[in-house]
All heavy atoms as atom14 arrays in JSON, in Angstrom:
{
  "sequence": "KRNGDDIWVARPGNGPHSSAVSVERFGSLTDCDAEPTGLYW",
  "atom14_mask": [
    [1, 1, 1, 1, 1, 1, 1, 1, 1, 0, 0, 0, 0, 0],
    [1, 1, 1, 1, 1, 1, 1, 1, 1, 1, 1, 0, 0, 0],
    [1, 1, 1, 1, 1, 1, 1, 1, 0, 0, 0, 0, 0, 0],
    [1, 1, 1, 1, 0, 0, 0, 0, 0, 0, 0, 0, 0, 0],
    [1, 1, 1, 1, 1, 1, 1, 1, 0, 0, 0, 0, 0, 0],
    [1, 1, 1, 1, 1, 1, 1, 1, 0, 0, 0, 0, 0, 0],
    [1, 1, 1, 1, 1, 1, 1, 1, 0, 0, 0, 0, 0, 0],
    [1, 1, 1, 1, 1, 1, 1, 1, 1, 1, 1, 1, 1, 1],
    [1, 1, 1, 1, 1, 1, 1, 0, 0, 0, 0, 0, 0, 0],
    [1, 1, 1, 1, 1, 0, 0, 0, 0, 0, 0, 0, 0, 0],
    [1, 1, 1, 1, 1, 1, 1, 1, 1, 1, 1, 0, 0, 0],
    [1, 1, 1, 1, 1, 1, 1, 0, 0, 0, 0, 0, 0, 0],
    [1, 1, 1, 1, 0, 0, 0, 0, 0, 0, 0, 0, 0, 0],
    [1, 1, 1, 1, 1, 1, 1, 1, 0, 0, 0, 0, 0, 0],
    [1, 1, 1, 1, 0, 0, 0, 0, 0, 0, 0, 0, 0, 0],
    [1, 1, 1, 1, 1, 1, 1, 0, 0, 0, 0, 0, 0, 0],
    [1, 1, 1, 1, 1, 1, 1, 1, 1, 1, 0, 0, 0, 0],
    [1, 1, 1, 1, 1, 1, 0, 0, 0, 0, 0, 0, 0, 0],
    [1, 1, 1, 1, 1, 1, 0, 0, 0, 0, 0, 0, 0, 0],
    [1, 1, 1, 1, 1, 0, 0, 0, 0, 0, 0, 0, 0, 0],
    [1, 1, 1, 1, 1, 1, 1, 0, 0, 0, 0, 0, 0, 0],
    [1, 1, 1, 1, 1, 1, 0, 0, 0, 0, 0, 0, 0, 0],
    [1, 1, 1, 1, 1, 1, 1, 0, 0, 0, 0, 0, 0, 0],
    [1, 1, 1, 1, 1, 1, 1, 1, 1, 0, 0, 0, 0, 0],
    [1, 1, 1, 1, 1, 1, 1, 1, 1, 1, 1, 0, 0, 0],
    [1, 1, 1, 1, 1, 1, 1, 1, 1, 1, 1, 0, 0, 0],
    [1, 1, 1, 1, 0, 0, 0, 0, 0, 0, 0, 0, 0, 0],
    [1, 1, 1, 1, 1, 1, 0, 0, 0, 0, 0, 0, 0, 0],
    [1, 1, 1, 1, 1, 1, 1, 1, 0, 0, 0, 0, 0, 0],
    [1, 1, 1, 1, 1, 1, 1, 0, 0, 0, 0, 0, 0, 0],
    [1, 1, 1, 1, 1, 1, 1, 1, 0, 0, 0, 0, 0, 0],
    [1, 1, 1, 1, 1, 1, 0, 0, 0, 0, 0, 0, 0, 0],
    [1, 1, 1, 1, 1, 1, 1, 1, 0, 0, 0, 0, 0, 0],
    [1, 1, 1, 1, 1, 0, 0, 0, 0, 0, 0, 0, 0, 0],
    [1, 1, 1, 1, 1, 1, 1, 1, 1, 0, 0, 0, 0, 0],
    [1, 1, 1, 1, 1, 1, 1, 0, 0, 0, 0, 0, 0, 0],
    [1, 1, 1, 1, 1, 1, 1, 0, 0, 0, 0, 0, 0, 0],
    [1, 1, 1, 1, 0, 0, 0, 0, 0, 0, 0, 0, 0, 0],
    [1, 1, 1, 1, 1, 1, 1, 1, 0, 0, 0, 0, 0, 0],
    [1, 1, 1, 1, 1, 1, 1, 1, 1, 1, 1, 1, 0, 0],
    [1, 1, 1, 1, 1, 1, 1, 1, 1, 1, 1, 1, 1, 1]
  ],
  "atom14_positions": [
    [[0.85, -1.2, 0.0], [0.0, 0.0, 0.0], [0.88, 1.24, 0.0], [1.94, 1.26, 0.58], [-0.88, 0.03, 1.24], [-1.9, -1.06, 1.31], [-2.88, -0.83, 2.46], [-2.17, -0.79, 3.78], [-3.11, -0.67, 4.9], [0.0, 0.0, 0.0], [0.0, 0.0, 0.0], [0.0, 0.0, 0.0], [0.0, 0.0, 0.0], [0.0, 0.0, 0.0]],
    [[0.42, 2.29, -0.63], [1.13, 3.57, -0.62], [0.48, 4.55, 0.34], [1.07, 5.52, 0.74], [1.17, 4.16, -2.03], [1.98, 3.35, -2.97], [1.99, 3.99, -4.34], [2.59, 3.1, -5.31], [3.82, 3.22, -5.77], [4.58, 4.19, -5.34], [4.29, 2.37, -6.64], [0.0, 0.0, 0.0], [0.0, 0.0, 0.0], [0.0, 0.0, 0.0]],
    [[-0.77, 4.3, 0.68], [-1.52, 5.17, 1.59], [-2.11, 4.32, 2.7], [-2.23, 3.11, 2.58], [-2.66, 5.89, 0.86], [-2.16, 6.78, -0.25], [-1.2, 7.52, -0.06], [-2.8, 6.72, -1.4], [0.0, 0.0, 0.0], [0.0, 0.0, 0.0], [0.0, 0.0, 0.0], [0.0, 0.0, 0.0], [0.0, 0.0, 0.0], [0.0, 0.0, 0.0]],
    [[-2.5, 4.97, 3.79], [-3.15, 4.25, 4.88], [-4.58, 3.89, 4.54], [-5.1, 4.24, 3.49], [0.0, 0.0, 0.0], [0.0, 0.0, 0.0], [0.0, 0.0, 0.0], [0.0, 0.0, 0.0], [0.0, 0.0, 0.0], [0.0, 0.0, 0.0], [0.0, 0.0, 0.0], [0.0, 0.0, 0.0], [0.0, 0.0, 0.0], [0.0, 0.0, 0.0]],
    [[-5.21, 3.17, 5.44], [-6.6, 2.78, 5.25], [-7.54, 3.89, 5.73], [-7.17, 4.71, 6.56], [-6.91, 1.5, 6.04], [-6.26, 0.28, 5.43], [-5.89, 0.32, 4.25], [-6.13, -0.73, 6.15], [0.0, 0.0, 0.0], [0.0, 0.0, 0.0], [0.0, 0.0, 0.0], [0.0, 0.0, 0.0], [0.0, 0.0, 0.0], [0.0, 0.0, 0.0]],
    [[-8.74, 3.87, 5.2], [-9.75, 4.85, 5.57], [-10.8, 4.22, 6.46], [-11.0, 3.01, 6.46], [-10.44, 5.41, 4.32], [-9.49, 6.21, 3.45], [-8.62, 6.91, 4.0], [-9.61, 6.14, 2.22], [0.0, 0.0, 0.0], [0.0, 0.0, 0.0], [0.0, 0.0, 0.0], [0.0, 0.0, 0.0], [0.0, 0.0, 0.0], [0.0, 0.0, 0.0]],
    [[-11.5, 5.06, 7.21], [-12.63, 4.65, 8.03], [-13.86, 5.3, 7.42], [-13.89, 6.52, 7.23], [-12.46, 5.1, 9.5], [-11.18, 4.51, 10.08], [-13.69, 4.72, 10.32], [-10.79, 5.12, 11.41], [0.0, 0.0, 0.0], [0.0, 0.0, 0.0], [0.0, 0.0, 0.0], [0.0, 0.0, 0.0], [0.0, 0.0, 0.0], [0.0, 0.0, 0.0]],
    [[-14.86, 4.5, 7.08], [-16.05, 4.97, 6.38], [-17.28, 4.85, 7.27], [-17.37, 3.96, 8.1], [-16.27, 4.15, 5.1], [-15.16, 4.31, 4.13], [-13.97, 3.61, 4.1], [-15.1, 5.22, 3.05], [-13.2, 4.04, 3.08], [-13.86, 5.03, 2.4], [-15.97, 6.19, 2.55], [-13.48, 5.77, 1.29], [-15.59, 6.92, 1.44], [-14.36, 6.72, 0.82]],
    [[-18.23, 5.75, 7.07], [-19.49, 5.74, 7.8], [-20.62, 5.68, 6.77], [-20.64, 6.45, 5.81], [-19.66, 7.02, 8.66], [-21.02, 7.06, 9.31], [-18.56, 7.09, 9.7], [0.0, 0.0, 0.0], [0.0, 0.0, 0.0], [0.0, 0.0, 0.0], [0.0, 0.0, 0.0], [0.0, 0.0, 0.0], [0.0, 0.0, 0.0], [0.0, 0.0, 0.0]],
    [[-21.54, 4.75, 6.98], [-22.71, 4.62, 6.1], [-23.95, 5.07, 6.86], [-24.19, 4.62, 7.97], [-22.86, 3.18, 5.64], [0.0, 0.0, 0.0], [0.0, 0.0, 0.0], [0.0, 0.0, 0.0], [0.0, 0.0, 0.0], [0.0, 0.0, 0.0], [0.0, 0.0, 0.0], [0.0, 0.0, 0.0], [0.0, 0.0, 0.0], [0.0, 0.0, 0.0]],
    [[-24.72, 5.98, 6.26], [-25.99, 6.39, 6.85], [-27.04, 5.4, 6.39], [-27.25, 5.21, 5.19], [-26.36, 7.79, 6.39], [-27.58, 8.3, 7.14], [-28.02, 9.69, 6.82], [-27.01, 10.56, 6.28], [-27.27, 11.61, 5.52], [-28.51, 11.9, 5.22], [-26.31, 12.36, 5.06], [0.0, 0.0, 0.0], [0.0, 0.0, 0.0], [0.0, 0.0, 0.0]],
    [[-27.72, 4.72, 7.33], [-28.66, 3.66, 6.95], [-29.86, 4.19, 6.17], [-30.26, 5.35, 6.32], [-29.09, 3.07, 8.29], [-28.74, 4.07, 9.33], [-27.65, 4.93, 8.77], [0.0, 0.0, 0.0], [0.0, 0.0, 0.0], [0.0, 0.0, 0.0], [0.0, 0.0, 0.0], [0.0, 0.0, 0.0], [0.0, 0.0, 0.0], [0.0, 0.0, 0.0]],
    [[-30.42, 3.29, 5.38], [-31.64, 3.61, 4.64], [-32.86, 3.54, 5.55], [-32.75, 3.43, 6.77], [0.0, 0.0, 0.0], [0.0, 0.0, 0.0], [0.0, 0.0, 0.0], [0.0, 0.0, 0.0], [0.0, 0.0, 0.0], [0.0, 0.0, 0.0], [0.0, 0.0, 0.0], [0.0, 0.0, 0.0], [0.0, 0.0, 0.0], [0.0, 0.0, 0.0]],
    [[-34.04, 3.56, 4.95], [-35.29, 3.64, 5.71], [-35.86, 2.3, 6.15], [-36.77, 2.25, 6.95], [-36.35, 4.39, 4.89], [-35.97, 5.83, 4.7], [-35.35, 6.44, 5.56], [-36.32, 6.39, 3.55], [0.0, 0.0, 0.0], [0.0, 0.0, 0.0], [0.0, 0.0, 0.0], [0.0, 0.0, 0.0], [0.0, 0.0, 0.0], [0.0, 0.0, 0.0]],
    [[-35.36, 1.21, 5.63], [-35.9, -0.1, 6.0], [-34.8, -1.04, 6.44], [-33.62, -0.76, 6.27], [0.0, 0.0, 0.0], [0.0, 0.0, 0.0], [0.0, 0.0, 0.0], [0.0, 0.0, 0.0], [0.0, 0.0, 0.0], [0.0, 0.0, 0.0], [0.0, 0.0, 0.0], [0.0, 0.0, 0.0], [0.0, 0.0, 0.0], [0.0, 0.0, 0.0]],
    [[-35.2, -2.18, 7.0], [-34.2, -3.12, 7.51], [-33.3, -3.72, 6.43], [-32.2, -4.16, 6.72], [-35.03, -4.2, 8.2], [-36.38, -4.08, 7.61], [-36.56, -2.65, 7.21], [0.0, 0.0, 0.0], [0.0, 0.0, 0.0], [0.0, 0.0, 0.0], [0.0, 0.0, 0.0], [0.0, 0.0, 0.0], [0.0, 0.0, 0.0], [0.0, 0.0, 0.0]],
    [[-33.74, -3.74, 5.19], [-32.94, -4.32, 4.11], [-32.64, -3.3, 3.01], [-32.27, -3.68, 1.89], [-33.66, -5.53, 3.51], [-33.94, -6.59, 4.52], [-32.95, -7.39, 5.05], [-35.09, -6.97, 5.12], [-33.47, -8.21, 5.93], [-34.78, -7.98, 6.0], [0.0, 0.0, 0.0], [0.0, 0.0, 0.0], [0.0, 0.0, 0.0], [0.0, 0.0, 0.0]],
    [[-32.79, -2.02, 3.32], [-32.56, -0.99, 2.31], [-31.07, -0.62, 2.25], [-30.33, -0.82, 3.2], [-33.4, 0.25, 2.6], [-33.06, 0.79, 3.85], [0.0, 0.0, 0.0], [0.0, 0.0, 0.0], [0.0, 0.0, 0.0], [0.0, 0.0, 0.0], [0.0, 0.0, 0.0], [0.0, 0.0, 0.0], [0.0, 0.0, 0.0], [0.0, 0.0, 0.0]],
    [[-30.68, -0.1, 1.13], [-29.3, 0.32, 0.93], [-29.0, 1.58, 1.73], [-29.91, 2.32, 2.11], [-29.05, 0.62, -0.55], [-29.26, -0.53, -1.33], [0.0, 0.0, 0.0], [0.0, 0.0, 0.0], [0.0, 0.0, 0.0], [0.0, 0.0, 0.0], [0.0, 0.0, 0.0], [0.0, 0.0, 0.0], [0.0, 0.0, 0.0], [0.0, 0.0, 0.0]],
    [[-27.74, 1.82, 1.96], [-27.32, 3.03, 2.67], [-27.7, 4.26, 1.86], [-27.66, 4.26, 0.63], [-25.82, 3.01, 2.9], [0.0, 0.0, 0.0], [0.0, 0.0, 0.0], [0.0, 0.0, 0.0], [0.0, 0.0, 0.0], [0.0, 0.0, 0.0], [0.0, 0.0, 0.0], [0.0, 0.0, 0.0], [0.0, 0.0, 0.0], [0.0, 0.0, 0.0]],
    [[-28.07, 5.33, 2.55], [-28.41, 6.58, 1.9], [-27.14, 7.24, 1.39], [-27.1, 7.8, 0.3], [-29.15, 7.52, 2.89], [-29.36, 8.89, 2.3], [-30.47, 6.91, 3.3], [0.0, 0.0, 0.0], [0.0, 0.0, 0.0], [0.0, 0.0, 0.0], [0.0, 0.0, 0.0], [0.0, 0.0, 0.0], [0.0, 0.0, 0.0], [0.0, 0.0, 0.0]],
    [[-26.08, 7.16, 2.17], [-24.8, 7.74, 1.77], [-23.67, 7.01, 2.49], [-23.88, 6.39, 3.52], [-24.74, 9.23, 2.09], [-24.77, 9.44, 3.49], [0.0, 0.0, 0.0], [0.0, 0.0, 0.0], [0.0, 0.0, 0.0], [0.0, 0.0, 0.0], [0.0, 0.0, 0.0], [0.0, 0.0, 0.0], [0.0, 0.0, 0.0], [0.0, 0.0, 0.0]],
    [[-22.5, 7.09, 1.92], [-21.29, 6.55, 2.53], [-20.24, 7.64, 2.43], [-19.99, 8.18, 1.35], [-20.81, 5.27, 1.81], [-19.53, 4.76, 2.43], [-21.89, 4.2, 1.84], [0.0, 0.0, 0.0], [0.0, 0.0, 0.0], [0.0, 0.0, 0.0], [0.0, 0.0, 0.0], [0.0, 0.0, 0.0], [0.0, 0.0, 0.0], [0.0, 0.0, 0.0]],
    [[-19.64, 7.99, 3.58], [-18.66, 9.08, 3.6], [-17.42, 8.66, 4.37], [-17.5, 7.92, 5.33], [-19.26, 10.31, 4.27], [-20.48, 10.85, 3.56], [-21.11, 12.02, 4.28], [-20.39, 12.72, 5.03], [-22.31, 12.23, 4.11], [0.0, 0.0, 0.0], [0.0, 0.0, 0.0], [0.0, 0.0, 0.0], [0.0, 0.0, 0.0], [0.0, 0.0, 0.0]],
    [[-16.27, 9.18, 3.93], [-15.04, 8.91, 4.65], [-15.04, 9.72, 5.93], [-15.23, 10.92, 5.93], [-13.83, 9.27, 3.79], [-12.53, 8.93, 4.5], [-11.31, 9.08, 3.64], [-11.38, 10.25, 2.82], [-10.81, 10.36, 1.64], [-10.12, 9.36, 1.15], [-10.91, 11.47, 0.95], [0.0, 0.0, 0.0], [0.0, 0.0, 0.0], [0.0, 0.0, 0.0]],
    [[-14.84, 9.04, 7.05], [-14.84, 9.66, 8.37], [-13.42, 10.04, 8.8], [-13.2, 11.05, 9.45], [-15.47, 8.7, 9.38], [-15.38, 9.14, 10.8], [-16.25, 10.1, 11.28], [-14.41, 8.63, 11.65], [-16.16, 10.53, 12.6], [-14.33, 9.05, 12.96], [-15.21, 10.0, 13.43], [0.0, 0.0, 0.0], [0.0, 0.0, 0.0], [0.0, 0.0, 0.0]],
    [[-12.47, 9.21, 8.45], [-11.1, 9.45, 8.85], [-10.14, 8.62, 8.03], [-10.54, 7.69, 7.32], [0.0, 0.0, 0.0], [0.0, 0.0, 0.0], [0.0, 0.0, 0.0], [0.0, 0.0, 0.0], [0.0, 0.0, 0.0], [0.0, 0.0, 0.0], [0.0, 0.0, 0.0], [0.0, 0.0, 0.0], [0.0, 0.0, 0.0], [0.0, 0.0, 0.0]],
    [[-8.86, 8.96, 8.1], [-7.83, 8.24, 7.37], [-6.64, 8.0, 8.27], [-6.3, 8.85, 9.1], [-7.36, 9.06, 6.15], [-8.39, 9.21, 5.23], [0.0, 0.0, 0.0], [0.0, 0.0, 0.0], [0.0, 0.0, 0.0], [0.0, 0.0, 0.0], [0.0, 0.0, 0.0], [0.0, 0.0, 0.0], [0.0, 0.0, 0.0], [0.0, 0.0, 0.0]],
    [[-6.01, 6.86, 8.1], [-4.75, 6.58, 8.77], [-3.63, 6.91, 7.78], [-3.67, 6.48, 6.64], [-4.67, 5.1, 9.17], [-5.76, 4.61, 10.12], [-5.64, 3.12, 10.33], [-5.66, 5.34, 11.44], [0.0, 0.0, 0.0], [0.0, 0.0, 0.0], [0.0, 0.0, 0.0], [0.0, 0.0, 0.0], [0.0, 0.0, 0.0], [0.0, 0.0, 0.0]],
    [[-2.67, 7.68, 8.22], [-1.6, 8.11, 7.3], [-0.46, 7.11, 7.23], [0.34, 7.16, 6.31], [-1.05, 9.48, 7.72], [-0.58, 9.4, 9.06], [-2.13, 10.54, 7.61], [0.0, 0.0, 0.0], [0.0, 0.0, 0.0], [0.0, 0.0, 0.0], [0.0, 0.0, 0.0], [0.0, 0.0, 0.0], [0.0, 0.0, 0.0], [0.0, 0.0, 0.0]],
    [[-0.37, 6.19, 8.17], [0.68, 5.16, 8.16], [0.22, 4.04, 7.23], [-0.8, 3.4, 7.48], [0.87, 4.65, 9.58], [1.98, 3.63, 9.71], [2.34, 3.01, 8.68], [2.49, 3.45, 10.82], [0.0, 0.0, 0.0], [0.0, 0.0, 0.0], [0.0, 0.0, 0.0], [0.0, 0.0, 0.0], [0.0, 0.0, 0.0], [0.0, 0.0, 0.0]],
    [[0.96, 3.79, 6.17], [0.51, 2.81, 5.18], [0.52, 1.38, 5.7], [-0.1, 0.5, 5.11], [1.32, 2.91, 3.89], [3.03, 2.45, 4.06], [0.0, 0.0, 0.0], [0.0, 0.0, 0.0], [0.0, 0.0, 0.0], [0.0, 0.0, 0.0], [0.0, 0.0, 0.0], [0.0, 0.0, 0.0], [0.0, 0.0, 0.0], [0.0, 0.0, 0.0]],
    [[1.21, 1.11, 6.81], [1.21, -0.23, 7.38], [0.08, -0.45, 8.38], [-0.19, -1.58, 8.78], [2.54, -0.51, 8.1], [3.7, -0.6, 7.13], [3.48, -1.03, 5.99], [4.82, -0.23, 7.51], [0.0, 0.0, 0.0], [0.0, 0.0, 0.0], [0.0, 0.0, 0.0], [0.0, 0.0, 0.0], [0.0, 0.0, 0.0], [0.0, 0.0, 0.0]],
    [[-0.55, 0.62, 8.83], [-1.59, 0.52, 9.85], [-2.94, 0.19, 9.23], [-3.21, 0.49, 8.08], [-1.7, 1.83, 10.62], [0.0, 0.0, 0.0], [0.0, 0.0, 0.0], [0.0, 0.0, 0.0], [0.0, 0.0, 0.0], [0.0, 0.0, 0.0], [0.0, 0.0, 0.0], [0.0, 0.0, 0.0], [0.0, 0.0, 0.0], [0.0, 0.0, 0.0]],
    [[-3.78, -0.45, 10.05], [-5.15, -0.73, 9.6], [-6.11, -0.62, 10.78], [-5.79, -1.07, 11.88], [-5.24, -2.11, 8.96], [-4.81, -3.24, 9.85], [-4.77, -4.57, 9.14], [-5.84, -5.21, 9.03], [-3.69, -4.96, 8.71], [0.0, 0.0, 0.0], [0.0, 0.0, 0.0], [0.0, 0.0, 0.0], [0.0, 0.0, 0.0], [0.0, 0.0, 0.0]],
    [[-7.28, 0.02, 10.56], [-8.28, 0.08, 11.62], [-8.93, -1.29, 11.75], [-9.27, -1.92, 10.75], [-9.27, 1.14, 11.13], [-9.12, 1.12, 9.63], [-7.7, 0.72, 9.36], [0.0, 0.0, 0.0], [0.0, 0.0, 0.0], [0.0, 0.0, 0.0], [0.0, 0.0, 0.0], [0.0, 0.0, 0.0], [0.0, 0.0, 0.0], [0.0, 0.0, 0.0]],
    [[-9.1, -1.76, 12.98], [-9.65, -3.1, 13.17], [-10.93, -3.11, 13.98], [-11.5, -4.16, 14.21], [-8.63, -4.01, 13.86], [-8.29, -3.45, 15.13], [-7.39, -4.16, 13.02], [0.0, 0.0, 0.0], [0.0, 0.0, 0.0], [0.0, 0.0, 0.0], [0.0, 0.0, 0.0], [0.0, 0.0, 0.0], [0.0, 0.0, 0.0], [0.0, 0.0, 0.0]],
    [[-11.39, -1.97, 14.42], [-12.64, -1.93, 15.16], [-12.93, -0.54, 15.7], [-12.02, 0.26, 15.9], [0.0, 0.0, 0.0], [0.0, 0.0, 0.0], [0.0, 0.0, 0.0], [0.0, 0.0, 0.0], [0.0, 0.0, 0.0], [0.0, 0.0, 0.0], [0.0, 0.0, 0.0], [0.0, 0.0, 0.0], [0.0, 0.0, 0.0], [0.0, 0.0, 0.0]],
    [[-14.21, -0.26, 15.89], [-14.66, 1.03, 16.42], [-15.56, 0.78, 17.61], [-16.29, -0.21, 17.66], [-15.46, 1.8, 15.37], [-14.77, 2.11, 14.05], [-15.78, 2.69, 13.08], [-13.63, 3.07, 14.26], [0.0, 0.0, 0.0], [0.0, 0.0, 0.0], [0.0, 0.0, 0.0], [0.0, 0.0, 0.0], [0.0, 0.0, 0.0], [0.0, 0.0, 0.0]],
    [[-15.51, 1.7, 18.57], [-16.39, 1.6, 19.74], [-16.76, 3.01, 20.19], [-15.88, 3.83, 20.45], [-15.68, 0.87, 20.88], [-16.45, 0.88, 22.17], [-17.55, 0.06, 22.34], [-16.11, 1.74, 23.21], [-18.28, 0.07, 23.51], [-16.83, 1.77, 24.39], [-17.91, 0.94, 24.53], [-18.64, 0.96, 25.68], [0.0, 0.0, 0.0], [0.0, 0.0, 0.0]],
    [[-18.06, 3.32, 20.26], [-18.52, 4.6, 20.8], [-18.62, 4.47, 22.31], [-19.19, 3.5, 22.82], [-19.9, 4.97, 20.26], [-19.86, 5.52, 18.87], [-20.22, 4.87, 17.73], [-19.44, 6.83, 18.48], [-20.05, 5.7, 16.66], [-19.57, 6.91, 17.09], [-18.96, 7.94, 19.17], [-19.25, 8.04, 16.37], [-18.64, 9.08, 18.46], [-18.79, 9.12, 17.08]]
  ]
}
């Protein structure tokens, strides 16, 4: 890899099986060897 991995956020659709309304990049890791492995609020 030449760039780090990104963290993406998907805004859910209106139903339980609907597609995401949008997907946006939330953050980026600048270290090309690093990878995000989990998120916790």
